[in-house]
Amino acid sequence: MGNKIQYQGSINGTFFELEIVYIVIGAFILSVTAFVTTREFMPKVAFKRGMLGIGGFIIFMIGFHYVMTTTRMQGVKDIFNNGETVICENKMRRTISRSVLLSKELGWRLDGDKFKNDDYERDFHTSRCIEFDGIVPK
């Protein structure tokens, strides 16, 4: 990419759209922590220390992932709007070529956080895309 992209996101509906899976996993981990730390063989402070420690770590990691993802998404949008090509993961096709190249020249447009093309059956979310530098022969 070359240039530094500053975080420009805000916590809104995008947060839950991007992080709901990790929130559910974190809730499961916290419930396991609560179950284990409340057993009679554990010290009395284990619950408090376990929940604060594990909960703090999960909150930090989810927040870090959100900031990292939204920063990359903004970078992909900027690159696309500058007329360059981006590459997106195609989870529908389970073949060797699981990625799709997108550019304005190929008829793609940006609608919010999704790339759309009338000739293609599927939209691509900017969180699943990165800059495409091309293939350089050796």
Protein backbone atom coordinates (compact mmCIF):
# COMPACT_ATOMS: atom_id res chain seq x y z
CA MET A 1 0.00 0.00 0.00
CA GLY A 2 2.79 2.37 0.78
CA ASN A 3 0.84 5.11 2.56
CA LYS A 4 -0.36 4.96 6.14
CA ILE A 5 -4.12 4.88 6.59
CA GLN A 6 -5.55 6.37 9.73
CA TYR A 7 -8.42 4.73 11.61
CA GLN A 8 -11.62 6.55 10.66
CA GLY A 9 -14.30 4.20 11.99
CA SER A 10 -16.92 4.69 14.62
CA ILE A 11 -18.72 2.10 16.73
CA ASN A 12 -22.08 1.59 15.06
CA GLY A 13 -23.94 -1.23 13.31
CA THR A 14 -20.71 -2.12 11.53
CA PHE A 15 -19.20 -3.17 14.85
CA PHE A 16 -21.76 -5.90 15.41
CA GLU A 17 -21.73 -6.90 11.74
CA LEU A 18 -17.97 -7.49 11.88
CA GLU A 19 -17.51 -8.71 15.44
CA ILE A 20 -20.63 -10.69 16.43
CA VAL A 21 -18.89 -14.04 15.89
CA TYR A 22 -16.01 -13.01 18.15
CA ILE A 23 -18.42 -11.64 20.77
CA VAL A 24 -20.24 -15.01 20.86
CA ILE A 25 -16.93 -16.88 21.14
CA GLY A 26 -15.85 -14.49 23.91
CA ALA A 27 -19.12 -15.05 25.79
CA PHE A 28 -18.56 -18.81 25.57
CA ILE A 29 -15.00 -18.45 26.89
CA LEU A 30 -16.28 -16.26 29.74
CA SER A 31 -18.97 -18.81 30.63
CA VAL A 32 -16.33 -21.58 30.75
CA THR A 33 -14.16 -19.31 32.90
CA ALA A 34 -17.08 -18.65 35.25
CA PHE A 35 -17.86 -22.36 35.51
CA VAL A 36 -14.27 -23.38 36.24
CA THR A 37 -13.51 -20.56 38.68
CA THR A 38 -16.62 -21.24 40.81
CA ARG A 39 -15.71 -24.86 41.59
CA GLU A 40 -15.05 -25.64 45.26
CA PHE A 41 -11.38 -26.53 44.66
CA MET A 42 -10.63 -23.02 43.31
CA PRO A 43 -9.63 -20.13 45.60
CA LYS A 44 -12.36 -17.61 46.44
CA VAL A 45 -10.66 -14.84 44.38
CA ALA A 46 -10.38 -17.03 41.27
CA PHE A 47 -13.73 -15.93 39.84
CA LYS A 48 -12.97 -12.23 40.15
CA ARG A 49 -9.42 -12.54 38.80
CA GLY A 50 -10.44 -14.94 36.04
CA MET A 51 -13.35 -12.88 34.79
CA LEU A 52 -11.42 -9.60 34.93
CA GLY A 53 -8.34 -11.07 33.28
CA ILE A 54 -10.04 -13.11 30.57
CA GLY A 55 -12.77 -10.49 30.03
CA GLY A 56 -10.23 -7.70 29.68
CA PHE A 57 -8.17 -9.71 27.22
CA ILE A 58 -11.25 -10.58 25.11
CA ILE A 59 -12.42 -6.94 25.07
CA PHE A 60 -8.94 -5.78 24.03
CA MET A 61 -8.66 -8.36 21.24
CA ILE A 62 -12.15 -7.66 19.85
CA GLY A 63 -11.46 -3.92 19.91
CA PHE A 64 -8.07 -4.39 18.26
CA HIS A 65 -9.60 -6.59 15.54
CA TYR A 66 -12.35 -4.04 14.89
CA VAL A 67 -9.91 -1.14 14.54
CA MET A 68 -7.60 -3.20 12.30
CA THR A 69 -10.49 -4.36 10.08
CA THR A 70 -12.17 -0.97 9.68
CA THR A 71 -8.81 0.65 8.91
CA ARG A 72 -8.17 -1.92 6.17
CA MET A 73 -11.74 -1.45 4.87
CA GLN A 74 -11.20 2.31 4.57
CA GLY A 75 -7.92 1.68 2.76
CA VAL A 76 -9.62 -0.67 0.29
CA LYS A 77 -12.34 1.93 -0.35
CA ASP A 78 -9.73 4.64 -0.96
CA ILE A 79 -7.76 2.41 -3.32
CA PHE A 80 -10.91 1.46 -5.26
CA ASN A 81 -12.08 5.08 -5.48
CA ASN A 82 -8.66 6.03 -6.86
CA GLY A 83 -9.28 3.68 -9.80
CA GLU A 84 -6.97 0.89 -8.65
CA THR A 85 -7.79 -2.83 -8.43
CA VAL A 86 -8.65 -4.71 -5.25
CA ILE A 87 -8.87 -8.44 -4.71
CA CYS A 88 -11.70 -10.01 -2.71
CA GLU A 89 -12.19 -13.45 -1.22
CA ASN A 90 -14.91 -15.47 -2.93
CA LYS A 91 -16.32 -17.98 -0.44
CA MET A 92 -18.95 -19.26 -2.88
CA ARG A 93 -16.42 -20.86 -5.23
CA ARG A 94 -14.45 -23.61 -3.53
CA THR A 95 -11.86 -23.93 -6.27
CA ILE A 96 -8.21 -22.99 -6.59
CA SER A 97 -9.09 -19.46 -7.69
CA ARG A 98 -11.13 -18.34 -4.71
CA SER A 99 -10.49 -14.63 -5.28
CA VAL A 100 -12.05 -12.06 -7.59
CA LEU A 101 -10.44 -8.90 -8.94
CA LEU A 102 -12.59 -5.78 -8.69
CA SER A 103 -12.12 -2.40 -10.31
CA LYS A 104 -14.26 0.39 -11.73
CA GLU A 105 -13.05 -0.61 -15.21
CA LEU A 106 -14.67 -4.02 -14.75
CA GLY A 107 -18.05 -2.47 -13.86
CA TRP A 108 -17.86 -2.66 -10.07
CA ARG A 109 -19.21 0.10 -7.86
CA LEU A 110 -19.00 0.77 -4.14
CA ASP A 111 -22.30 0.88 -2.25
CA GLY A 112 -21.56 1.59 1.43
CA ASP A 113 -19.29 -1.24 2.54
CA LYS A 114 -20.12 -3.55 -0.36
CA PHE A 115 -18.83 -3.88 -3.90
CA LYS A 116 -21.63 -4.51 -6.40
CA ASN A 117 -21.78 -5.40 -10.08
CA ASP A 118 -24.97 -5.98 -12.07
CA ASP A 119 -23.28 -8.77 -14.05
CA TYR A 120 -22.22 -10.72 -10.94
CA GLU A 121 -24.59 -12.65 -8.69
CA ARG A 122 -22.84 -11.80 -5.44
CA ASP A 123 -21.72 -8.66 -3.58
CA PHE A 124 -18.39 -8.47 -1.79
CA HIS A 125 -17.92 -6.85 1.61
CA THR A 126 -14.89 -4.54 1.90
CA SER A 127 -13.75 -6.43 5.00
CA ARG A 128 -12.91 -9.40 2.73
CA CYS A 129 -10.78 -7.38 0.30
CA ILE A 130 -7.19 -6.15 0.03
CA GLU A 131 -5.13 -4.14 -2.43
CA PHE A 132 -4.05 -6.03 -5.57
CA ASP A 133 -0.47 -5.29 -6.61
CA GLY A 134 -0.53 -7.67 -9.57
CA ILE A 135 1.75 -10.55 -10.34
CA VAL A 136 5.40 -9.70 -10.85
CA PRO A 137 7.40 -12.26 -12.86
CA LYS A 138 10.76 -13.36 -11.47
